[in-house]
Amino acid sequence: MGELTQPSGIVMPDVVGQLSASVTLAAVRGVSFHELGQGLTGPVRSGQVSPGQSSLQQPSFEQVLSPEDMWEQAWQQWAVRWPRLAVSPVASGRPELLNHSTGDEVRTVSRWVNQVQQFGALPVSAERLQTASSQVARLLISGAPQSAVLSHRDLHDKQLLFNADSGAIGLIDCDTVSVAEPALDLANLLVHIDFRRAQGVFSAATASTAEQAILETASVMNVADTRLHAYSVSTKLRLACLYAFRPAYRTVAHRWFERLEEDLA
């Protein structure tokens, strides 16, 4: 993966060993964005680095950062690097990378909805579940898809790492890497941030810092609002289904599904 990430400055684990039943990956240094954001109450945005800014204009990481500053810097660095990774020209020459189409996304969501319905994991009727699934599918398929870019396909705050010593951004769990619309990863990350707020993991101010960075990055990458919305509601439905199977968050998942219905109305 090194040749894919080198131009962007994002660090991904290299394969250092491979046997018939196992693969050994190199360690990626850093603290997850999930951990960085926990317990913060009011990070202040200052000294922003815009997503399109040159890598030569990076802030210094020699000083000790406060938790709030570290959260701020982590998102600034991610916003600079992510567009470079996603549009890497190297990815277009990798035929082994699968293409994740809108049809694939529809099938993924439908599979989760059917599992929730089969096991009764959410206290809602089958009709409501299938209606939401159909509405999401219609939004995904009806819009014109944007040109595919390199995609992690499961991008969220636990997959991103920040190394405060160097300012490097790490990206882990890369077994789902493919090519897909740019909105897929950005929506997945955006919705996970909102879900952390619903879980009580991130404060409103903490989540707002992350959301602003993601939306700015979407703008830099020319992601259409309609595509970001389509993939956002897809992610919301999938997360409601996923967390319905986790007893500690079943109530949150139910409320989340009801919010989704309002979004789709």
Foldseek 3Di string as FASTA:
>chain_A
DCVLQVVLLAAEWDFPDDDPPDTDTDDDDFDFLLVLQFPDAAQDADPAQFLCHDPVPQDDLQDDDDSSVQLNLLLRSCSNRVVCSFAPPVQVVDVVFAECALVNLLVVLVVLLVVCQVVVLAVDHNVLSVVLSVLLSCLSPVDDADDWTWDQQQDERRQWGADSNVRGIYGYPSPNIHIYGPLQNLLNHLLNLVLCCLVVRHPPNSSVSNNVSSVSSCVVVVPDPSNNVSNNLSNLSSVLSVCSPPVVCVVSSNVSSVVSVVVSD
